[in-house]
Amino acid sequence: MNTKIKEQILAIRSTGLTNMFDIHYVQRLAHEMNFYELVIFIEEHRSEYVHFIMHGED
């Protein structure tokens, strides 16, 4: 997971619009915010995304 992905995750979290475990809605928000890298990252590396949300580390 690179810095850009982390920043995009944190940007979505800071909106407070969704539970970060609602992966489909996170992807929807990412798409609306033009965070296409994050949309793809979640599709390809879902377990890494969940690990980051749970532990704050990659």
Protein backbone atom coordinates (compact mmCIF):
# COMPACT_ATOMS: atom_id res chain seq x y z
CA MET A 1 0.00 0.00 0.00
CA ASN A 2 1.49 3.29 -1.04
CA THR A 3 1.18 6.75 0.50
CA LYS A 4 -1.41 7.90 -2.04
CA ILE A 5 -3.76 5.03 -1.15
CA LYS A 6 -3.37 5.75 2.57
CA GLU A 7 -4.15 9.44 2.01
CA GLN A 8 -7.25 8.54 0.02
CA ILE A 9 -8.47 6.16 2.74
CA LEU A 10 -7.93 8.82 5.40
CA ALA A 11 -9.69 11.44 3.27
CA ILE A 12 -12.78 9.25 2.99
CA ARG A 13 -12.67 8.43 6.70
CA SER A 14 -12.47 12.13 7.57
CA THR A 15 -15.76 12.80 5.77
CA GLY A 16 -17.59 10.69 8.36
CA LEU A 17 -20.08 9.61 5.67
CA THR A 18 -19.64 5.86 6.07
CA ASN A 19 -18.47 3.02 8.22
CA MET A 20 -15.09 2.17 6.72
CA PHE A 21 -16.03 -1.53 6.77
CA ASP A 22 -18.89 -0.82 4.33
CA ILE A 23 -16.52 -1.53 1.49
CA HIS A 24 -19.02 -1.00 -1.31
CA TYR A 25 -19.93 2.46 -0.04
CA VAL A 26 -16.27 3.33 0.51
CA GLN A 27 -15.65 2.42 -3.12
CA ARG A 28 -18.63 4.52 -4.20
CA LEU A 29 -17.33 7.53 -2.28
CA ALA A 30 -13.83 6.93 -3.66
CA HIS A 31 -15.23 6.96 -7.18
CA GLU A 32 -17.20 10.15 -6.52
CA MET A 33 -14.05 11.77 -5.12
CA ASN A 34 -12.01 10.62 -8.15
CA PHE A 35 -9.92 8.25 -6.02
CA TYR A 36 -9.82 5.62 -8.74
CA GLU A 37 -6.59 4.11 -7.40
CA LEU A 38 -8.38 3.31 -4.15
CA VAL A 39 -11.34 1.71 -5.93
CA ILE A 40 -8.97 -0.62 -7.75
CA PHE A 41 -6.82 -1.22 -4.67
CA ILE A 42 -9.83 -2.38 -2.64
CA GLU A 43 -10.87 -4.74 -5.44
CA GLU A 44 -7.41 -6.27 -5.71
CA HIS A 45 -6.21 -6.08 -2.08
CA ARG A 46 -9.30 -6.21 0.13
CA SER A 47 -7.53 -7.96 3.02
CA GLU A 48 -4.79 -5.31 3.07
CA TYR A 49 -7.44 -2.58 3.13
CA VAL A 50 -9.26 -4.23 6.06
CA HIS A 51 -5.97 -4.74 7.93
CA PHE A 52 -5.16 -1.03 7.53
CA ILE A 53 -8.62 -0.03 8.81
CA MET A 54 -8.36 -2.34 11.81
CA HIS A 55 -4.74 -1.72 12.78
CA GLY A 56 -3.70 1.56 11.13
CA GLU A 57 -0.72 -0.08 9.53
CA ASP A 58 -0.04 -1.81 6.25
